[in-house]
Amino acid sequence: MALLNVNPTRMALMDLKRRSKAAQRGHKLLKDKQDGLMREFMIVIRKAKDLRMRTEEALGGAFRKFLVASAWMSDGEMQSALSSPQAKMELTVETKNVMSVRIPIFSLTREGSIKSYGLARTNALLDDAVDSFDRVFETLAELAQIEKQAENMAIELETTRRRVNALEHKMIPDLKETVKYIKMKLDESERAGIISTMRIKASLEAQGK
């Protein structure tokens, strides 16, 4: 704690009391925000963990299917089948504000067919592998969205935590200590004034005798 650099006057005392009350209200609001953010953050983290596991499983399954398909096709046939992609994907990003956190919303749009190869020189195994990779794209976009959401929430949570700590351990104690100091100084001045008045009164009474 440290005393603020202010003159010990009643005007300063009133201002510091007002600032102290405002700081305590701000601390409560920020603490409530921090608690709310932490609850939401933990929910998002659990969702992200579950989704990442499902994404890794889906990717692993797609790669395994592709390897099986590759075993039944020559390198030339595989290269020919996948060398002229016609499908297009576009990722659009929108944001919404939740508890002062910018939350990204990803949307995946597609055009054209992902299967641009002829069926004569390929097999159903390749079709299955391509379909699996196609489905994984949606999961990957969802995973990227939720992990970015978690990242933004973590940044806001840390910023809020620092503000709460600054108010709780620095600003509010300093204001209270300064208020206490000014009250003590004003009380001393008041007592000194009373004693001085009493001495003057006693001196006048002594002179009047």
C-alpha atoms as a PDB file:
ATOM      1  CA  MET A   1       0.000   0.000   0.000  1.00  0.00           C
ATOM      2  CA  ALA A   2       1.094   3.557  -0.700  1.00  0.00           C
ATOM      3  CA  LEU A   3      -0.342   6.970   0.082  1.00  0.00           C
ATOM      4  CA  LEU A   4      -1.557   8.952  -2.891  1.00  0.00           C
ATOM      5  CA  ASN A   5      -0.044  12.350  -3.514  1.00  0.00           C
ATOM      6  CA  VAL A   6      -2.988  14.554  -2.459  1.00  0.00           C
ATOM      7  CA  ASN A   7      -3.487  17.409  -0.023  1.00  0.00           C
ATOM      8  CA  PRO A   8      -5.219  16.304   3.220  1.00  0.00           C
ATOM      9  CA  THR A   9      -8.345  18.457   2.779  1.00  0.00           C
ATOM     10  CA  ARG A  10     -12.043  17.683   3.136  1.00  0.00           C
ATOM     11  CA  MET A  11     -12.499  18.220  -0.594  1.00  0.00           C
ATOM     12  CA  ALA A  12      -9.798  15.639  -1.320  1.00  0.00           C
ATOM     13  CA  LEU A  13     -11.360  13.279   1.238  1.00  0.00           C
ATOM     14  CA  MET A  14     -14.754  13.458  -0.474  1.00  0.00           C
ATOM     15  CA  ASP A  15     -13.155  12.861  -3.886  1.00  0.00           C
ATOM     16  CA  LEU A  16     -11.159   9.869  -2.629  1.00  0.00           C
ATOM     17  CA  LYS A  17     -14.239   8.332  -1.005  1.00  0.00           C
ATOM     18  CA  ARG A  18     -16.080   8.682  -4.318  1.00  0.00           C
ATOM     19  CA  ARG A  19     -13.173   7.132  -6.210  1.00  0.00           C
ATOM     20  CA  SER A  20     -12.925   4.303  -3.680  1.00  0.00           C
ATOM     21  CA  LYS A  21     -16.609   3.420  -4.060  1.00  0.00           C
ATOM     22  CA  ALA A  22     -16.299   3.532  -7.858  1.00  0.00           C
ATOM     23  CA  ALA A  23     -13.217   1.301  -7.720  1.00  0.00           C
ATOM     24  CA  GLN A  24     -15.020  -1.231  -5.526  1.00  0.00           C
ATOM     25  CA  ARG A  25     -18.015  -1.287  -7.881  1.00  0.00           C
ATOM     26  CA  GLY A  26     -15.655  -1.717 -10.837  1.00  0.00           C
ATOM     27  CA  HIS A  27     -13.843  -4.519  -9.014  1.00  0.00           C
ATOM     28  CA  LYS A  28     -17.114  -6.373  -8.411  1.00  0.00           C
ATOM     29  CA  LEU A  29     -18.180  -6.025 -12.040  1.00  0.00           C
ATOM     30  CA  LEU A  30     -14.803  -7.211 -13.314  1.00  0.00           C
ATOM     31  CA  LYS A  31     -14.744 -10.098 -10.825  1.00  0.00           C
ATOM     32  CA  ASP A  32     -18.190 -11.196 -11.997  1.00  0.00           C
ATOM     33  CA  LYS A  33     -17.001 -10.922 -15.595  1.00  0.00           C
ATOM     34  CA  GLN A  34     -13.878 -12.949 -14.768  1.00  0.00           C
ATOM     35  CA  ASP A  35     -15.960 -15.696 -13.141  1.00  0.00           C
ATOM     36  CA  GLY A  36     -18.364 -15.771 -16.091  1.00  0.00           C
ATOM     37  CA  LEU A  37     -15.516 -15.880 -18.589  1.00  0.00           C
ATOM     38  CA  MET A  38     -13.840 -18.709 -16.707  1.00  0.00           C
ATOM     39  CA  ARG A  39     -17.025 -20.789 -16.763  1.00  0.00           C
ATOM     40  CA  GLU A  40     -17.486 -20.197 -20.503  1.00  0.00           C
ATOM     41  CA  PHE A  41     -13.789 -20.826 -21.151  1.00  0.00           C
ATOM     42  CA  MET A  42     -13.889 -24.217 -19.443  1.00  0.00           C
ATOM     43  CA  ILE A  43     -16.961 -25.195 -21.487  1.00  0.00           C
ATOM     44  CA  VAL A  44     -15.217 -24.162 -24.718  1.00  0.00           C
ATOM     45  CA  ILE A  45     -12.014 -26.002 -23.748  1.00  0.00           C
ATOM     46  CA  ARG A  46     -13.942 -29.231 -23.134  1.00  0.00           C
ATOM     47  CA  LYS A  47     -15.721 -28.864 -26.486  1.00  0.00           C
ATOM     48  CA  ALA A  48     -12.424 -28.162 -28.259  1.00  0.00           C
ATOM     49  CA  LYS A  49     -10.780 -31.207 -26.672  1.00  0.00           C
ATOM     50  CA  ASP A  50     -13.636 -33.488 -27.703  1.00  0.00           C
ATOM     51  CA  LEU A  51     -13.768 -32.049 -31.217  1.00  0.00           C
ATOM     52  CA  ARG A  52      -9.992 -32.355 -31.679  1.00  0.00           C
ATOM     53  CA  MET A  53     -10.154 -36.042 -30.744  1.00  0.00           C
ATOM     54  CA  ARG A  54     -12.968 -36.621 -33.235  1.00  0.00           C
ATOM     55  CA  THR A  55     -11.109 -34.663 -35.923  1.00  0.00           C
ATOM     56  CA  GLU A  56      -7.917 -36.671 -35.427  1.00  0.00           C
ATOM     57  CA  GLU A  57      -9.893 -39.909 -35.607  1.00  0.00           C
ATOM     58  CA  ALA A  58     -11.671 -38.761 -38.790  1.00  0.00           C
ATOM     59  CA  LEU A  59      -8.393 -37.689 -40.408  1.00  0.00           C
ATOM     60  CA  GLY A  60      -6.738 -40.954 -39.449  1.00  0.00           C
ATOM     61  CA  GLY A  61      -9.630 -42.898 -40.936  1.00  0.00           C
ATOM     62  CA  ALA A  62      -9.526 -40.860 -44.158  1.00  0.00           C
ATOM     63  CA  PHE A  63      -5.775 -41.415 -44.567  1.00  0.00           C
ATOM     64  CA  ARG A  64      -6.152 -45.145 -43.943  1.00  0.00           C
ATOM     65  CA  LYS A  65      -8.845 -45.368 -46.610  1.00  0.00           C
ATOM     66  CA  PHE A  66      -6.648 -43.412 -49.004  1.00  0.00           C
ATOM     67  CA  LEU A  67      -3.728 -45.777 -48.400  1.00  0.00           C
ATOM     68  CA  VAL A  68      -5.944 -48.786 -49.095  1.00  0.00           C
ATOM     69  CA  ALA A  69      -7.227 -47.140 -52.293  1.00  0.00           C
ATOM     70  CA  SER A  70      -3.634 -46.357 -53.325  1.00  0.00           C
ATOM     71  CA  ALA A  71      -2.690 -50.004 -52.947  1.00  0.00           C
ATOM     72  CA  TRP A  72      -5.247 -50.962 -55.604  1.00  0.00           C
ATOM     73  CA  MET A  73      -4.239 -48.237 -58.080  1.00  0.00           C
ATOM     74  CA  SER A  74      -0.969 -47.401 -59.779  1.00  0.00           C
ATOM     75  CA  ASP A  75       0.774 -44.104 -59.072  1.00  0.00           C
ATOM     76  CA  GLY A  76      -0.077 -42.915 -62.578  1.00  0.00           C
ATOM     77  CA  GLU A  77      -3.770 -43.729 -62.166  1.00  0.00           C
ATOM     78  CA  MET A  78      -3.898 -42.003 -58.776  1.00  0.00           C
ATOM     79  CA  GLN A  79      -2.111 -38.903 -60.075  1.00  0.00           C
ATOM     80  CA  SER A  80      -4.359 -38.752 -63.130  1.00  0.00           C
ATOM     81  CA  ALA A  81      -7.498 -39.070 -61.005  1.00  0.00           C
ATOM     82  CA  LEU A  82      -6.554 -36.291 -58.572  1.00  0.00           C
ATOM     83  CA  SER A  83      -4.625 -33.914 -60.847  1.00  0.00           C
ATOM     84  CA  SER A  84      -7.587 -31.801 -62.052  1.00  0.00           C
ATOM     85  CA  PRO A  85      -9.682 -30.722 -59.064  1.00  0.00           C
ATOM     86  CA  GLN A  86     -12.916 -28.921 -59.899  1.00  0.00           C
ATOM     87  CA  ALA A  87     -14.395 -28.304 -56.460  1.00  0.00           C
ATOM     88  CA  LYS A  88     -13.893 -24.932 -54.810  1.00  0.00           C
ATOM     89  CA  MET A  89     -14.250 -24.125 -51.130  1.00  0.00           C
ATOM     90  CA  GLU A  90     -14.517 -20.706 -49.543  1.00  0.00           C
ATOM     91  CA  LEU A  91     -14.274 -19.904 -45.864  1.00  0.00           C
ATOM     92  CA  THR A  92     -16.085 -16.782 -44.664  1.00  0.00           C
ATOM     93  CA  VAL A  93     -15.614 -15.363 -41.185  1.00  0.00           C
ATOM     94  CA  GLU A  94     -18.062 -13.314 -39.149  1.00  0.00           C
ATOM     95  CA  THR A  95     -17.698 -12.217 -35.536  1.00  0.00           C
ATOM     96  CA  LYS A  96     -20.022 -11.684 -32.615  1.00  0.00           C
ATOM     97  CA  ASN A  97     -19.310 -10.044 -29.275  1.00  0.00           C
ATOM     98  CA  VAL A  98     -19.759 -12.163 -26.144  1.00  0.00           C
ATOM     99  CA  MET A  99     -18.703 -10.593 -22.814  1.00  0.00           C
ATOM    100  CA  SER A 100     -16.315  -8.225 -24.685  1.00  0.00           C
ATOM    101  CA  VAL A 101     -14.779 -11.199 -26.531  1.00  0.00           C
ATOM    102  CA  ARG A 102     -14.874 -11.269 -30.333  1.00  0.00           C
ATOM    103  CA  ILE A 103     -16.069 -14.766 -31.233  1.00  0.00           C
ATOM    104  CA  PRO A 104     -15.366 -15.928 -34.814  1.00  0.00           C
ATOM    105  CA  ILE A 105     -18.053 -17.716 -36.784  1.00  0.00           C
ATOM    106  CA  PHE A 106     -16.709 -19.720 -39.732  1.00  0.00           C
ATOM    107  CA  SER A 107     -18.867 -20.688 -42.705  1.00  0.00           C
ATOM    108  CA  LEU A 108     -17.682 -23.133 -45.358  1.00  0.00           C
ATOM    109  CA  THR A 109     -19.242 -22.925 -48.834  1.00  0.00           C
ATOM    110  CA  ARG A 110     -18.525 -25.244 -51.752  1.00  0.00           C
ATOM    111  CA  GLU A 111     -18.881 -25.206 -55.505  1.00  0.00           C
ATOM    112  CA  GLY A 112     -18.465 -28.062 -57.935  1.00  0.00           C
ATOM    113  CA  SER A 113     -17.967 -31.764 -57.354  1.00  0.00           C
ATOM    114  CA  ILE A 114     -15.051 -33.031 -55.313  1.00  0.00           C
ATOM    115  CA  LYS A 115     -14.939 -36.130 -57.537  1.00  0.00           C
ATOM    116  CA  SER A 116     -13.541 -34.729 -60.763  1.00  0.00           C
ATOM    117  CA  TYR A 117     -12.150 -38.017 -62.055  1.00  0.00           C
ATOM    118  CA  GLY A 118     -13.724 -40.595 -64.315  1.00  0.00           C
ATOM    119  CA  LEU A 119     -15.049 -43.756 -62.757  1.00  0.00           C
ATOM    120  CA  ALA A 120     -13.608 -46.121 -65.364  1.00  0.00           C
ATOM    121  CA  ARG A 121     -10.020 -46.128 -64.093  1.00  0.00           C
ATOM    122  CA  THR A 122     -10.770 -45.727 -60.354  1.00  0.00           C
ATOM    123  CA  ASN A 123     -12.478 -47.823 -57.727  1.00  0.00           C
ATOM    124  CA  ALA A 124     -14.983 -47.453 -54.910  1.00  0.00           C
ATOM    125  CA  LEU A 125     -12.156 -47.358 -52.346  1.00  0.00           C
ATOM    126  CA  LEU A 126     -10.974 -44.024 -53.740  1.00  0.00           C
ATOM    127  CA  ASP A 127     -14.536 -42.691 -53.705  1.00  0.00           C
ATOM    128  CA  ASP A 128     -14.835 -43.635 -50.042  1.00  0.00           C
ATOM    129  CA  ALA A 129     -11.494 -41.994 -49.188  1.00  0.00           C
ATOM    130  CA  VAL A 130     -12.398 -38.773 -51.046  1.00  0.00           C
ATOM    131  CA  ASP A 131     -15.799 -38.636 -49.306  1.00  0.00           C
ATOM    132  CA  SER A 132     -14.059 -39.062 -45.934  1.00  0.00           C
ATOM    133  CA  PHE A 133     -11.677 -36.171 -46.610  1.00  0.00           C
ATOM    134  CA  ASP A 134     -14.622 -34.083 -47.800  1.00  0.00           C
ATOM    135  CA  ARG A 135     -16.432 -34.581 -44.499  1.00  0.00           C
ATOM    136  CA  VAL A 136     -13.274 -33.815 -42.503  1.00  0.00           C
ATOM    137  CA  PHE A 137     -13.102 -30.300 -43.990  1.00  0.00           C
ATOM    138  CA  GLU A 138     -16.270 -29.312 -42.134  1.00  0.00           C
ATOM    139  CA  THR A 139     -14.923 -30.717 -38.885  1.00  0.00           C
ATOM    140  CA  LEU A 140     -11.610 -28.899 -39.380  1.00  0.00           C
ATOM    141  CA  ALA A 141     -13.432 -25.584 -39.903  1.00  0.00           C
ATOM    142  CA  GLU A 142     -15.467 -26.185 -36.753  1.00  0.00           C
ATOM    143  CA  LEU A 143     -12.301 -27.058 -34.803  1.00  0.00           C
ATOM    144  CA  ALA A 144     -10.509 -23.933 -36.045  1.00  0.00           C
ATOM    145  CA  GLN A 145     -13.509 -21.843 -34.998  1.00  0.00           C
ATOM    146  CA  ILE A 146     -13.726 -23.201 -31.463  1.00  0.00           C
ATOM    147  CA  GLU A 147      -9.957 -23.105 -30.875  1.00  0.00           C
ATOM    148  CA  LYS A 148      -9.814 -19.469 -32.027  1.00  0.00           C
ATOM    149  CA  GLN A 149     -12.720 -18.764 -29.709  1.00  0.00           C
ATOM    150  CA  ALA A 150     -10.802 -20.356 -26.825  1.00  0.00           C
ATOM    151  CA  GLU A 151      -7.700 -18.310 -27.694  1.00  0.00           C
ATOM    152  CA  ASN A 152      -9.624 -15.019 -27.707  1.00  0.00           C
ATOM    153  CA  MET A 153     -11.344 -15.896 -24.442  1.00  0.00           C
ATOM    154  CA  ALA A 154      -8.001 -16.753 -22.831  1.00  0.00           C
ATOM    155  CA  ILE A 155      -6.585 -13.349 -23.838  1.00  0.00           C
ATOM    156  CA  GLU A 156      -9.632 -11.496 -22.460  1.00  0.00           C
ATOM    157  CA  LEU A 157      -9.567 -13.613 -19.299  1.00  0.00           C
ATOM    158  CA  GLU A 158      -5.922 -12.721 -18.649  1.00  0.00           C
ATOM    159  CA  THR A 159      -6.603  -9.016 -19.282  1.00  0.00           C
ATOM    160  CA  THR A 160      -9.564  -9.081 -16.885  1.00  0.00           C
ATOM    161  CA  ARG A 161      -7.544 -10.963 -14.248  1.00  0.00           C
ATOM    162  CA  ARG A 162      -4.824  -8.303 -14.343  1.00  0.00           C
ATOM    163  CA  ARG A 163      -7.383  -5.520 -13.938  1.00  0.00           C
ATOM    164  CA  VAL A 164      -9.028  -7.307 -11.023  1.00  0.00           C
ATOM    165  CA  ASN A 165      -5.664  -7.792  -9.313  1.00  0.00           C
ATOM    166  CA  ALA A 166      -4.650  -4.165  -9.922  1.00  0.00           C
ATOM    167  CA  LEU A 167      -7.867  -2.938  -8.294  1.00  0.00           C
ATOM    168  CA  GLU A 168      -7.832  -5.493  -5.478  1.00  0.00           C
ATOM    169  CA  HIS A 169      -4.175  -5.301  -4.492  1.00  0.00           C
ATOM    170  CA  LYS A 170      -3.143  -1.786  -5.530  1.00  0.00           C
ATOM    171  CA  MET A 171      -5.761   0.849  -6.267  1.00  0.00           C
ATOM    172  CA  ILE A 172      -8.411   0.043  -3.635  1.00  0.00           C
ATOM    173  CA  PRO A 173      -5.894  -0.456  -0.754  1.00  0.00           C
ATOM    174  CA  ASP A 174      -4.076   2.775  -1.727  1.00  0.00           C
ATOM    175  CA  LEU A 175      -7.343   4.721  -1.777  1.00  0.00           C
ATOM    176  CA  LYS A 176      -8.439   3.304   1.593  1.00  0.00           C
ATOM    177  CA  GLU A 177      -5.053   4.011   3.159  1.00  0.00           C
ATOM    178  CA  THR A 178      -5.072   7.585   1.845  1.00  0.00           C
ATOM    179  CA  VAL A 179      -8.634   8.149   3.101  1.00  0.00           C
ATOM    180  CA  LYS A 180      -7.577   6.872   6.528  1.00  0.00           C
ATOM    181  CA  TYR A 181      -4.526   9.153   6.495  1.00  0.00           C
ATOM    182  CA  ILE A 182      -6.529  12.248   5.534  1.00  0.00           C
ATOM    183  CA  LYS A 183      -9.148  11.505   8.212  1.00  0.00           C
ATOM    184  CA  MET A 184      -6.367  11.261  10.796  1.00  0.00           C
ATOM    185  CA  LYS A 185      -4.844  14.548   9.614  1.00  0.00           C
ATOM    186  CA  LEU A 186      -8.223  16.311   9.665  1.00  0.00           C
ATOM    187  CA  ASP A 187      -8.964  14.958  13.146  1.00  0.00           C
ATOM    188  CA  GLU A 188      -5.561  16.211  14.338  1.00  0.00           C
ATOM    189  CA  SER A 189      -6.240  19.626  12.842  1.00  0.00           C
ATOM    190  CA  GLU A 190      -9.684  19.703  14.474  1.00  0.00           C
ATOM    191  CA  ARG A 191      -8.290  18.746  17.873  1.00  0.00           C
ATOM    192  CA  ALA A 192      -5.529  21.332  17.490  1.00  0.00           C
ATOM    193  CA  GLY A 193      -8.160  23.946  16.638  1.00  0.00           C
ATOM    194  CA  ILE A 194     -10.267  23.023  19.677  1.00  0.00           C
ATOM    195  CA  ILE A 195      -7.236  23.157  21.987  1.00  0.00           C
ATOM    196  CA  SER A 196      -6.199  26.500  20.527  1.00  0.00           C
ATOM    197  CA  THR A 197      -9.716  27.879  21.030  1.00  0.00           C
ATOM    198  CA  MET A 198      -9.802  26.631  24.598  1.00  0.00           C
ATOM    199  CA  ARG A 199      -6.445  28.269  25.326  1.00  0.00           C
ATOM    200  CA  ILE A 200      -7.589  31.569  23.856  1.00  0.00           C
ATOM    201  CA  LYS A 201     -10.805  31.377  25.854  1.00  0.00           C
ATOM    202  CA  ALA A 202      -8.902  30.557  29.049  1.00  0.00           C
ATOM    203  CA  SER A 203      -6.508  33.455  28.377  1.00  0.00           C
ATOM    204  CA  LEU A 204      -9.376  35.890  27.827  1.00  0.00           C
ATOM    205  CA  GLU A 205     -11.118  34.710  30.981  1.00  0.00           C
ATOM    206  CA  ALA A 206      -7.880  35.131  32.943  1.00  0.00           C
ATOM    207  CA  GLN A 207      -7.443  38.657  31.617  1.00  0.00           C
ATOM    208  CA  GLY A 208     -11.040  39.537  32.515  1.00  0.00           C
ATOM    209  CA  LYS A 209     -10.590  38.729  36.187  1.00  0.00           C
END
